[in-house]
């Protein structure tokens, strides 16, 4: 299993804009979350073993924190021609099976992933009420081949801090996962 780390986009970066189709057919944009005190953007997909490892807990996290004043959005940017398990139809089935109460968006052009410098699945970003990056990194220290329990403690601590009007700890560890499956010839300069 190849392990790709997060790029660790600089803290304070302004949230890049997006306008993408949700699994329900509606278009969701960054501006839709203007009233949220925190915004979690997660780059995920259906087939990656790293995402599957924490999928149940991530769904619970997302559903819980949308009720606490945070907005959560998941985005899949993978090449669906070569990875059909990540197709919009399969994304819809995944969102239904996991009971997502948050959007699961499809980034067909992969431009949004590039704007966020997303590198792996899963890759997590937390933005404050001013949409400045306050956290980027791992869900927690668990991995598919480890005995560390999946708790989401790193992401939870970061979002809790932002919701309380505080800055998360500077000690932030990169997420580790499968690389985003770039379309042939579309890989960004930071990949590889």
N, C-alpha and C. Protein backbone atom coordinates (compact mmCIF):
# COMPACT_ATOMS: atom_id res chain seq x y z
N UNK A 1 0.85 -1.17 0.00
CA UNK A 1 0.00 0.00 0.00
C UNK A 1 0.90 1.24 0.00
N UNK A 2 0.83 2.02 -1.07
CA UNK A 2 1.60 3.25 -1.16
C UNK A 2 0.98 4.29 -0.25
N UNK A 3 1.81 4.99 0.50
CA UNK A 3 1.33 6.01 1.46
C UNK A 3 1.74 7.39 0.97
N UNK A 4 0.76 8.24 0.80
CA UNK A 4 0.99 9.61 0.37
C UNK A 4 0.58 10.54 1.50
N UNK A 5 1.46 11.48 1.91
CA UNK A 5 1.10 12.42 2.98
C UNK A 5 0.43 13.68 2.43
N UNK A 6 -0.24 14.40 3.33
CA UNK A 6 -0.80 15.72 3.02
C UNK A 6 0.32 16.67 2.62
N UNK A 7 -0.03 17.68 1.85
CA UNK A 7 0.96 18.71 1.49
C UNK A 7 1.15 19.70 2.62
N UNK A 8 0.23 19.73 3.60
CA UNK A 8 0.29 20.67 4.73
C UNK A 8 0.29 22.12 4.23
N UNK A 9 -0.77 22.46 3.51
CA UNK A 9 -1.01 23.82 3.04
C UNK A 9 -0.76 24.80 4.18
N UNK A 10 -0.16 25.96 3.93
CA UNK A 10 0.17 26.90 5.02
C UNK A 10 -1.07 27.34 5.82
N UNK A 11 -0.92 27.34 7.13
CA UNK A 11 -2.00 27.84 8.00
C UNK A 11 -2.27 29.29 7.65
N UNK A 12 -3.53 29.70 7.75
CA UNK A 12 -3.92 31.05 7.40
C UNK A 12 -4.35 31.21 5.96
N UNK A 13 -4.12 30.17 5.12
CA UNK A 13 -4.55 30.23 3.73
C UNK A 13 -6.07 30.41 3.66
N UNK A 14 -6.52 31.27 2.77
CA UNK A 14 -7.95 31.47 2.59
C UNK A 14 -8.55 30.28 1.86
N UNK A 15 -9.75 29.86 2.30
CA UNK A 15 -10.40 28.70 1.68
C UNK A 15 -10.64 28.96 0.20
N UNK A 16 -10.11 28.12 -0.67
CA UNK A 16 -10.40 28.28 -2.09
C UNK A 16 -11.89 28.05 -2.37
N UNK A 17 -12.41 28.81 -3.29
CA UNK A 17 -13.82 28.71 -3.65
C UNK A 17 -14.07 27.40 -4.39
N UNK A 18 -15.30 26.94 -4.31
CA UNK A 18 -15.72 25.78 -5.10
C UNK A 18 -17.21 25.87 -5.36
N UNK A 19 -17.64 25.21 -6.40
CA UNK A 19 -19.05 25.06 -6.74
C UNK A 19 -19.15 23.73 -7.47
N UNK A 20 -19.64 22.71 -6.74
CA UNK A 20 -19.59 21.33 -7.24
C UNK A 20 -20.93 20.63 -7.04
N UNK A 21 -21.20 19.62 -7.86
CA UNK A 21 -22.44 18.87 -7.70
C UNK A 21 -22.39 17.91 -6.51
N UNK A 22 -23.47 17.93 -5.73
CA UNK A 22 -23.64 17.00 -4.61
C UNK A 22 -24.27 15.71 -5.14
N UNK A 23 -24.22 14.67 -4.33
CA UNK A 23 -24.82 13.40 -4.73
C UNK A 23 -26.34 13.51 -4.91
N UNK A 24 -26.97 14.54 -4.34
CA UNK A 24 -28.41 14.73 -4.51
C UNK A 24 -28.76 15.54 -5.75
N UNK A 25 -27.74 15.91 -6.55
CA UNK A 25 -27.97 16.65 -7.78
C UNK A 25 -27.91 18.16 -7.62
N UNK A 26 -27.89 18.66 -6.38
CA UNK A 26 -27.80 20.09 -6.13
C UNK A 26 -26.34 20.54 -6.21
N UNK A 27 -26.15 21.81 -6.59
CA UNK A 27 -24.80 22.38 -6.59
C UNK A 27 -24.54 23.01 -5.23
N UNK A 28 -23.36 22.73 -4.68
CA UNK A 28 -22.97 23.26 -3.38
C UNK A 28 -21.72 24.11 -3.58
N UNK A 29 -21.72 25.30 -2.98
CA UNK A 29 -20.62 26.25 -3.10
C UNK A 29 -20.08 26.63 -1.73
N UNK A 30 -18.88 27.16 -1.73
CA UNK A 30 -18.26 27.62 -0.49
C UNK A 30 -19.18 28.62 0.23
N UNK A 31 -19.80 29.51 -0.52
CA UNK A 31 -20.67 30.54 0.07
C UNK A 31 -21.86 29.96 0.82
N UNK A 32 -22.24 28.73 0.52
CA UNK A 32 -23.36 28.09 1.22
C UNK A 32 -23.08 27.90 2.70
N UNK A 33 -21.83 28.02 3.10
CA UNK A 33 -21.44 27.77 4.49
C UNK A 33 -21.05 29.06 5.23
N UNK A 34 -21.42 30.21 4.67
CA UNK A 34 -21.03 31.50 5.24
C UNK A 34 -21.42 31.67 6.70
N UNK A 35 -22.51 31.05 7.13
CA UNK A 35 -22.98 31.24 8.50
C UNK A 35 -22.38 30.25 9.50
N UNK A 36 -21.53 29.37 9.04
CA UNK A 36 -20.93 28.36 9.92
C UNK A 36 -19.68 28.91 10.60
N UNK A 37 -19.52 28.57 11.86
CA UNK A 37 -18.36 29.02 12.63
C UNK A 37 -17.07 28.30 12.25
N UNK A 38 -17.22 27.12 11.67
CA UNK A 38 -16.08 26.34 11.22
C UNK A 38 -16.49 25.58 9.97
N UNK A 39 -15.54 25.33 9.09
CA UNK A 39 -15.80 24.55 7.88
C UNK A 39 -14.74 23.47 7.77
N UNK A 40 -15.21 22.22 7.69
CA UNK A 40 -14.32 21.08 7.47
C UNK A 40 -14.48 20.64 6.02
N UNK A 41 -13.37 20.62 5.29
CA UNK A 41 -13.35 20.12 3.92
C UNK A 41 -12.51 18.85 3.94
N UNK A 42 -13.12 17.74 3.51
CA UNK A 42 -12.43 16.46 3.52
C UNK A 42 -12.38 15.89 2.11
N UNK A 43 -11.19 15.61 1.63
CA UNK A 43 -11.05 14.94 0.34
C UNK A 43 -11.02 13.44 0.62
N UNK A 44 -12.02 12.75 0.11
CA UNK A 44 -12.19 11.32 0.35
C UNK A 44 -12.55 10.64 -0.97
N UNK A 45 -12.79 9.36 -0.91
CA UNK A 45 -13.31 8.61 -2.06
C UNK A 45 -13.92 7.34 -1.50
N UNK A 46 -14.42 6.49 -2.37
CA UNK A 46 -15.07 5.26 -1.91
C UNK A 46 -14.12 4.08 -1.77
N UNK A 47 -13.14 3.95 -2.68
CA UNK A 47 -12.39 2.70 -2.77
C UNK A 47 -11.13 2.64 -1.91
N UNK A 48 -10.62 3.78 -1.46
CA UNK A 48 -9.32 3.81 -0.76
C UNK A 48 -9.38 3.09 0.58
N UNK A 49 -8.45 2.19 0.86
CA UNK A 49 -8.47 1.48 2.15
C UNK A 49 -8.26 2.41 3.35
N UNK A 50 -7.57 3.52 3.16
CA UNK A 50 -7.38 4.47 4.26
C UNK A 50 -8.70 5.17 4.60
N UNK A 51 -9.49 5.49 3.57
CA UNK A 51 -10.80 6.09 3.81
C UNK A 51 -11.76 5.06 4.39
N UNK A 52 -11.76 3.87 3.83
CA UNK A 52 -12.64 2.81 4.35
C UNK A 52 -12.37 2.56 5.84
N UNK A 53 -11.11 2.66 6.22
CA UNK A 53 -10.69 2.40 7.59
C UNK A 53 -11.40 3.32 8.59
N UNK A 54 -11.63 4.57 8.20
CA UNK A 54 -12.25 5.52 9.12
C UNK A 54 -13.62 6.00 8.67
N UNK A 55 -14.19 5.39 7.63
CA UNK A 55 -15.43 5.89 7.02
C UNK A 55 -16.59 5.97 8.01
N UNK A 56 -16.77 4.95 8.83
CA UNK A 56 -17.89 4.95 9.78
C UNK A 56 -17.71 6.09 10.78
N UNK A 57 -16.51 6.24 11.32
CA UNK A 57 -16.25 7.28 12.30
C UNK A 57 -16.29 8.67 11.68
N UNK A 58 -15.85 8.80 10.42
CA UNK A 58 -15.93 10.10 9.76
C UNK A 58 -17.39 10.49 9.55
N UNK A 59 -18.22 9.54 9.16
CA UNK A 59 -19.65 9.84 8.99
C UNK A 59 -20.25 10.29 10.32
N UNK A 60 -19.90 9.60 11.40
CA UNK A 60 -20.39 9.99 12.73
C UNK A 60 -19.89 11.38 13.10
N UNK A 61 -18.61 11.63 12.85
CA UNK A 61 -18.03 12.95 13.12
C UNK A 61 -18.81 14.03 12.35
N UNK A 62 -18.95 13.84 11.05
CA UNK A 62 -19.62 14.83 10.21
C UNK A 62 -21.04 15.10 10.65
N UNK A 63 -21.78 14.04 10.94
CA UNK A 63 -23.17 14.20 11.36
C UNK A 63 -23.25 14.87 12.73
N UNK A 64 -22.31 14.55 13.62
CA UNK A 64 -22.29 15.16 14.95
C UNK A 64 -21.94 16.65 14.88
N UNK A 65 -20.90 16.98 14.13
CA UNK A 65 -20.42 18.37 14.13
C UNK A 65 -21.28 19.31 13.30
N UNK A 66 -22.06 18.79 12.36
CA UNK A 66 -23.00 19.67 11.67
C UNK A 66 -24.06 20.16 12.65
N UNK A 67 -24.29 19.41 13.72
CA UNK A 67 -25.22 19.83 14.76
C UNK A 67 -24.60 20.74 15.81
N UNK A 68 -23.29 20.97 15.71
CA UNK A 68 -22.58 21.82 16.68
C UNK A 68 -22.19 23.18 16.11
N UNK A 69 -22.63 23.47 14.90
CA UNK A 69 -22.31 24.76 14.30
C UNK A 69 -21.20 24.73 13.27
N UNK A 70 -20.65 23.56 13.02
CA UNK A 70 -19.63 23.43 11.98
C UNK A 70 -20.31 22.96 10.69
N UNK A 71 -19.72 23.31 9.59
CA UNK A 71 -20.15 22.77 8.31
C UNK A 71 -19.12 21.72 7.90
N UNK A 72 -19.59 20.65 7.32
CA UNK A 72 -18.72 19.57 6.86
C UNK A 72 -19.06 19.29 5.41
N UNK A 73 -18.05 19.16 4.58
CA UNK A 73 -18.26 18.81 3.19
C UNK A 73 -17.17 17.81 2.78
N UNK A 74 -17.59 16.74 2.13
CA UNK A 74 -16.66 15.75 1.60
C UNK A 74 -16.59 15.92 0.09
N UNK A 75 -15.41 15.76 -0.47
CA UNK A 75 -15.20 15.93 -1.91
C UNK A 75 -14.41 14.74 -2.44
N UNK A 76 -14.88 14.18 -3.55
CA UNK A 76 -14.11 13.14 -4.24
C UNK A 76 -13.62 13.73 -5.56
N UNK A 77 -12.31 13.63 -5.76
CA UNK A 77 -11.68 14.19 -6.96
C UNK A 77 -11.04 13.12 -7.84
N UNK A 78 -11.27 11.86 -7.52
CA UNK A 78 -10.58 10.79 -8.23
C UNK A 78 -11.05 10.63 -9.68
N UNK A 79 -10.14 10.12 -10.50
CA UNK A 79 -10.41 9.77 -11.90
C UNK A 79 -11.35 8.57 -11.92
N UNK A 80 -12.61 8.81 -12.27
CA UNK A 80 -13.60 7.72 -12.20
C UNK A 80 -13.54 6.79 -13.41
N UNK A 81 -12.88 7.23 -14.48
CA UNK A 81 -12.75 6.34 -15.63
C UNK A 81 -11.87 5.14 -15.26
N UNK A 82 -10.80 5.40 -14.54
CA UNK A 82 -9.89 4.33 -14.12
C UNK A 82 -10.22 3.76 -12.74
N UNK A 83 -11.08 4.47 -11.99
CA UNK A 83 -11.49 4.02 -10.65
C UNK A 83 -13.01 4.13 -10.54
N UNK A 84 -13.73 3.24 -11.24
CA UNK A 84 -15.19 3.35 -11.31
C UNK A 84 -15.91 3.22 -9.98
N UNK A 85 -15.27 2.66 -8.95
CA UNK A 85 -15.90 2.60 -7.63
C UNK A 85 -16.10 3.98 -7.03
N UNK A 86 -15.45 5.00 -7.60
CA UNK A 86 -15.56 6.36 -7.12
C UNK A 86 -16.50 7.22 -7.97
N UNK A 87 -17.28 6.58 -8.83
CA UNK A 87 -18.19 7.31 -9.71
C UNK A 87 -19.28 8.02 -8.91
N UNK A 88 -19.90 9.07 -9.47
CA UNK A 88 -20.97 9.77 -8.76
C UNK A 88 -22.11 8.83 -8.31
N UNK A 89 -22.43 7.83 -9.10
CA UNK A 89 -23.48 6.88 -8.71
C UNK A 89 -23.07 6.10 -7.46
N UNK A 90 -21.82 5.68 -7.44
CA UNK A 90 -21.32 4.94 -6.27
C UNK A 90 -21.15 5.87 -5.07
N UNK A 91 -20.81 7.14 -5.34
CA UNK A 91 -20.73 8.13 -4.25
C UNK A 91 -22.09 8.29 -3.59
N UNK A 92 -23.13 8.35 -4.41
CA UNK A 92 -24.49 8.50 -3.87
C UNK A 92 -24.84 7.31 -2.99
N UNK A 93 -24.48 6.12 -3.45
CA UNK A 93 -24.75 4.91 -2.67
C UNK A 93 -23.97 4.94 -1.35
N UNK A 94 -22.73 5.40 -1.40
CA UNK A 94 -21.90 5.49 -0.19
C UNK A 94 -22.50 6.48 0.81
N UNK A 95 -22.90 7.65 0.31
CA UNK A 95 -23.49 8.67 1.19
C UNK A 95 -24.77 8.15 1.84
N UNK A 96 -25.55 7.39 1.09
CA UNK A 96 -26.79 6.81 1.63
C UNK A 96 -26.47 5.74 2.66
N UNK A 97 -25.55 4.84 2.32
CA UNK A 97 -25.20 3.75 3.23
C UNK A 97 -24.59 4.27 4.54
N UNK A 98 -23.80 5.34 4.45
CA UNK A 98 -23.15 5.91 5.64
C UNK A 98 -24.04 6.93 6.36
N UNK A 99 -25.19 7.23 5.75
CA UNK A 99 -26.14 8.21 6.32
C UNK A 99 -25.52 9.60 6.51
N UNK A 100 -24.79 10.04 5.48
CA UNK A 100 -24.21 11.39 5.53
C UNK A 100 -25.33 12.42 5.64
N UNK A 101 -25.16 13.36 6.57
CA UNK A 101 -26.04 14.51 6.67
C UNK A 101 -25.34 15.74 6.10
N UNK A 102 -24.23 15.54 5.46
CA UNK A 102 -23.42 16.61 4.88
C UNK A 102 -23.19 16.31 3.40
N UNK A 103 -22.86 17.31 2.61
CA UNK A 103 -22.67 17.09 1.17
C UNK A 103 -21.47 16.21 0.85
N UNK A 104 -21.62 15.44 -0.21
CA UNK A 104 -20.53 14.63 -0.77
C UNK A 104 -20.44 15.04 -2.24
N UNK A 105 -19.43 15.83 -2.56
CA UNK A 105 -19.34 16.50 -3.85
C UNK A 105 -18.36 15.81 -4.79
N UNK A 106 -18.63 15.98 -6.08
CA UNK A 106 -17.79 15.37 -7.11
C UNK A 106 -17.03 16.46 -7.86
N UNK A 107 -15.70 16.38 -7.79
CA UNK A 107 -14.79 17.32 -8.42
C UNK A 107 -14.27 16.70 -9.72
N UNK A 108 -15.10 16.71 -10.75
CA UNK A 108 -14.77 16.01 -12.00
C UNK A 108 -13.49 16.53 -12.65
N UNK A 109 -13.29 17.85 -12.65
CA UNK A 109 -12.11 18.42 -13.32
C UNK A 109 -10.84 18.31 -12.48
N UNK A 110 -10.99 17.99 -11.20
CA UNK A 110 -9.90 17.90 -10.24
C UNK A 110 -9.28 19.26 -9.91
N UNK A 111 -9.90 20.33 -10.38
CA UNK A 111 -9.38 21.67 -10.13
C UNK A 111 -9.51 22.07 -8.67
N UNK A 112 -10.57 21.64 -7.99
CA UNK A 112 -10.75 22.00 -6.59
C UNK A 112 -9.67 21.32 -5.74
N UNK A 113 -9.40 20.06 -6.03
CA UNK A 113 -8.32 19.37 -5.31
C UNK A 113 -7.00 20.11 -5.49
N UNK A 114 -6.74 20.58 -6.69
CA UNK A 114 -5.49 21.32 -6.94
C UNK A 114 -5.48 22.64 -6.17
N UNK A 115 -6.62 23.34 -6.12
CA UNK A 115 -6.69 24.61 -5.39
C UNK A 115 -6.39 24.42 -3.91
N UNK A 116 -6.79 23.28 -3.37
CA UNK A 116 -6.55 22.98 -1.96
C UNK A 116 -5.20 22.28 -1.74
N UNK A 117 -4.49 22.01 -2.83
CA UNK A 117 -3.24 21.24 -2.76
C UNK A 117 -3.47 19.90 -2.08
N UNK A 118 -4.65 19.32 -2.32
CA UNK A 118 -4.97 18.01 -1.76
C UNK A 118 -4.09 16.96 -2.42
N UNK A 119 -3.61 16.04 -1.62
CA UNK A 119 -2.67 15.04 -2.14
C UNK A 119 -3.16 13.62 -1.94
N UNK A 120 -3.92 13.39 -0.87
CA UNK A 120 -4.25 12.01 -0.52
C UNK A 120 -5.72 11.91 -0.09
N UNK A 121 -6.16 10.67 -0.01
CA UNK A 121 -7.48 10.38 0.57
C UNK A 121 -7.24 9.46 1.76
N UNK A 122 -7.67 9.93 2.94
CA UNK A 122 -8.37 11.18 3.23
C UNK A 122 -7.39 12.33 3.47
N UNK A 123 -7.85 13.54 3.20
CA UNK A 123 -7.08 14.76 3.45
C UNK A 123 -8.05 15.76 4.07
N UNK A 124 -7.74 16.28 5.25
CA UNK A 124 -8.68 17.11 6.02
C UNK A 124 -8.17 18.53 6.20
N UNK A 125 -9.10 19.48 6.08
CA UNK A 125 -8.83 20.91 6.25
C UNK A 125 -9.91 21.50 7.14
N UNK A 126 -9.52 22.35 8.09
CA UNK A 126 -10.48 23.05 8.95
C UNK A 126 -10.23 24.55 8.79
N UNK A 127 -11.29 25.27 8.43
CA UNK A 127 -11.23 26.71 8.25
C UNK A 127 -12.06 27.38 9.34
N UNK A 128 -11.58 28.53 9.83
CA UNK A 128 -12.30 29.26 10.87
C UNK A 128 -13.44 30.07 10.26
N UNK A 129 -14.11 30.88 11.09
CA UNK A 129 -15.29 31.62 10.62
C UNK A 129 -14.93 32.62 9.52
N UNK A 130 -13.66 33.05 9.46
CA UNK A 130 -13.19 33.95 8.41
C UNK A 130 -12.68 33.19 7.19
N UNK A 131 -12.82 31.88 7.25
CA UNK A 131 -12.40 30.95 6.19
C UNK A 131 -10.90 30.97 5.96
N UNK A 132 -10.18 31.08 7.07
CA UNK A 132 -8.73 30.95 7.06
C UNK A 132 -8.36 29.58 7.60
N UNK A 133 -7.38 28.95 6.99
CA UNK A 133 -7.00 27.59 7.38
C UNK A 133 -6.43 27.57 8.79
N UNK A 134 -7.08 26.79 9.66
CA UNK A 134 -6.65 26.66 11.05
C UNK A 134 -6.04 25.29 11.34
N UNK A 135 -6.38 24.31 10.52
CA UNK A 135 -5.87 22.95 10.73
C UNK A 135 -5.83 22.24 9.38
N UNK A 136 -4.81 21.44 9.19
CA UNK A 136 -4.75 20.51 8.07
C UNK A 136 -3.96 19.32 8.55
N UNK A 137 -4.46 18.14 8.20
CA UNK A 137 -3.76 16.96 8.66
C UNK A 137 -4.65 15.77 8.87
N UNK A 138 -4.26 14.93 9.81
CA UNK A 138 -4.87 13.62 9.99
C UNK A 138 -6.16 13.67 10.80
N UNK A 139 -7.00 12.66 10.58
CA UNK A 139 -8.21 12.44 11.36
C UNK A 139 -7.81 12.06 12.78
N UNK A 140 -6.86 11.13 12.84
CA UNK A 140 -6.25 10.67 14.09
C UNK A 140 -5.03 9.84 13.72
N UNK A 141 -4.40 9.22 14.71
CA UNK A 141 -3.19 8.46 14.45
C UNK A 141 -3.40 7.04 13.96
N UNK A 142 -4.63 6.64 13.73
CA UNK A 142 -4.89 5.26 13.28
C UNK A 142 -4.60 5.12 11.78
N UNK A 143 -4.27 3.90 11.39
CA UNK A 143 -4.05 3.55 9.99
C UNK A 143 -4.62 2.14 9.79
N UNK A 144 -4.91 1.75 8.56
CA UNK A 144 -5.51 0.43 8.34
C UNK A 144 -4.71 -0.73 8.90
N UNK A 145 -3.39 -0.58 8.97
CA UNK A 145 -2.54 -1.69 9.42
C UNK A 145 -2.01 -1.47 10.84
N UNK A 146 -2.69 -0.61 11.63
CA UNK A 146 -2.25 -0.36 13.00
C UNK A 146 -3.31 -0.80 13.99
N UNK A 147 -2.92 -0.89 15.24
CA UNK A 147 -3.87 -1.25 16.29
C UNK A 147 -4.41 -0.01 17.00
N UNK A 148 -4.04 1.17 16.52
CA UNK A 148 -4.52 2.42 17.11
C UNK A 148 -6.01 2.56 16.78
N UNK A 149 -6.86 2.81 17.77
CA UNK A 149 -8.29 2.92 17.51
C UNK A 149 -8.64 4.18 16.72
N UNK A 150 -9.69 4.09 15.92
CA UNK A 150 -10.17 5.23 15.14
C UNK A 150 -11.06 6.07 16.05
N UNK A 151 -10.61 7.29 16.35
CA UNK A 151 -11.36 8.17 17.25
C UNK A 151 -11.66 9.53 16.62
N UNK A 152 -10.85 9.93 15.64
CA UNK A 152 -10.99 11.26 15.07
C UNK A 152 -10.49 12.34 16.01
N UNK A 153 -9.66 11.96 16.98
CA UNK A 153 -9.27 12.91 18.04
C UNK A 153 -8.56 14.15 17.53
N UNK A 154 -7.73 14.04 16.51
CA UNK A 154 -7.01 15.21 16.00
C UNK A 154 -7.97 16.19 15.34
N UNK A 155 -8.84 15.68 14.49
CA UNK A 155 -9.80 16.54 13.80
C UNK A 155 -10.81 17.12 14.78
N UNK A 156 -11.28 16.30 15.71
CA UNK A 156 -12.23 16.78 16.72
C UNK A 156 -11.63 17.91 17.56
N UNK A 157 -10.39 17.75 17.99
CA UNK A 157 -9.74 18.78 18.81
C UNK A 157 -9.61 20.08 18.02
N UNK A 158 -9.28 19.98 16.74
CA UNK A 158 -9.13 21.18 15.91
C UNK A 158 -10.46 21.89 15.74
N UNK A 159 -11.51 21.14 15.44
CA UNK A 159 -12.82 21.77 15.22
C UNK A 159 -13.36 22.33 16.54
N UNK A 160 -13.17 21.60 17.62
CA UNK A 160 -13.61 22.11 18.93
C UNK A 160 -12.93 23.44 19.24
N UNK A 161 -11.63 23.55 18.96
CA UNK A 161 -10.91 24.79 19.20
C UNK A 161 -11.48 25.93 18.36
N UNK A 162 -11.69 25.68 17.08
CA UNK A 162 -12.22 26.73 16.20
C UNK A 162 -13.62 27.15 16.64
N UNK A 163 -14.46 26.18 17.00
CA UNK A 163 -15.81 26.52 17.45
C UNK A 163 -15.80 27.34 18.73
N UNK A 164 -14.76 27.16 19.54
CA UNK A 164 -14.62 27.92 20.79
C UNK A 164 -13.93 29.27 20.56
N UNK A 165 -13.57 29.56 19.31
CA UNK A 165 -12.91 30.82 18.98
C UNK A 165 -11.42 30.80 19.24
N UNK A 166 -10.86 29.61 19.36
CA UNK A 166 -9.43 29.45 19.63
C UNK A 166 -8.70 28.90 18.43
N UNK A 167 -7.38 28.99 18.48
CA UNK A 167 -6.53 28.43 17.43
C UNK A 167 -6.18 26.99 17.82
N UNK A 168 -6.33 26.04 16.92
CA UNK A 168 -5.90 24.66 17.23
C UNK A 168 -4.40 24.61 17.52
N UNK A 169 -4.01 23.54 18.14
CA UNK A 169 -2.59 23.32 18.43
C UNK A 169 -1.76 23.43 17.14
N UNK A 170 -0.55 23.97 17.28
CA UNK A 170 0.36 24.05 16.13
C UNK A 170 0.93 22.68 15.78
N UNK A 171 0.81 21.73 16.69
CA UNK A 171 1.32 20.39 16.44
C UNK A 171 0.29 19.63 15.60
N UNK A 172 0.49 19.69 14.29
CA UNK A 172 -0.44 19.08 13.35
C UNK A 172 0.32 18.08 12.49
N UNK A 173 -0.21 16.87 12.43
CA UNK A 173 0.45 15.80 11.69
C UNK A 173 -0.24 15.58 10.34
N UNK A 174 0.54 15.36 9.29
CA UNK A 174 -0.06 15.13 7.98
C UNK A 174 -0.98 13.91 7.98
N UNK A 175 -2.02 14.01 7.20
CA UNK A 175 -2.82 12.83 6.92
C UNK A 175 -1.98 11.92 6.02
N UNK A 176 -2.27 10.65 6.08
CA UNK A 176 -1.58 9.66 5.23
C UNK A 176 -2.67 8.86 4.54
N UNK A 177 -2.51 8.62 3.25
CA UNK A 177 -3.50 7.83 2.54
C UNK A 177 -3.04 7.49 1.15
N UNK A 178 -3.97 7.03 0.34
CA UNK A 178 -3.70 6.78 -1.07
C UNK A 178 -3.64 8.14 -1.77
N UNK A 179 -2.80 8.25 -2.79
CA UNK A 179 -2.78 9.50 -3.53
C UNK A 179 -4.10 9.71 -4.26
N UNK A 180 -4.47 10.96 -4.46
CA UNK A 180 -5.62 11.24 -5.31
C UNK A 180 -5.31 10.66 -6.67
N UNK A 181 -6.29 10.03 -7.27
CA UNK A 181 -6.09 9.37 -8.57
C UNK A 181 -6.30 10.40 -9.68
N UNK A 182 -5.19 10.99 -10.08
CA UNK A 182 -5.23 12.04 -11.09
C UNK A 182 -5.50 11.45 -12.46
N UNK A 183 -6.25 12.18 -13.26
CA UNK A 183 -6.47 11.77 -14.64
C UNK A 183 -5.13 11.84 -15.37
N UNK A 184 -4.93 11.00 -16.38
CA UNK A 184 -3.67 11.01 -17.11
C UNK A 184 -3.31 12.42 -17.59
N UNK A 185 -2.11 12.87 -17.24
CA UNK A 185 -1.64 14.18 -17.65
C UNK A 185 -2.15 15.32 -16.79
N UNK A 186 -2.94 15.04 -15.75
CA UNK A 186 -3.55 16.09 -14.96
C UNK A 186 -2.92 16.27 -13.58
N UNK A 187 -1.92 15.48 -13.25
CA UNK A 187 -1.31 15.57 -11.91
C UNK A 187 -0.68 16.95 -11.70
N UNK A 188 -0.87 17.53 -10.53
CA UNK A 188 -0.31 18.84 -10.24
C UNK A 188 1.19 18.77 -9.99
N UNK A 189 1.84 19.94 -9.99
CA UNK A 189 3.29 19.99 -9.82
C UNK A 189 3.72 19.48 -8.44
N UNK A 190 2.85 19.59 -7.43
CA UNK A 190 3.25 19.13 -6.10
C UNK A 190 3.13 17.62 -5.92
N UNK A 191 2.61 16.92 -6.94
CA UNK A 191 2.46 15.47 -6.86
C UNK A 191 3.69 14.79 -7.43
N UNK A 192 4.16 13.78 -6.74
CA UNK A 192 5.22 12.95 -7.30
C UNK A 192 6.56 13.32 -6.79
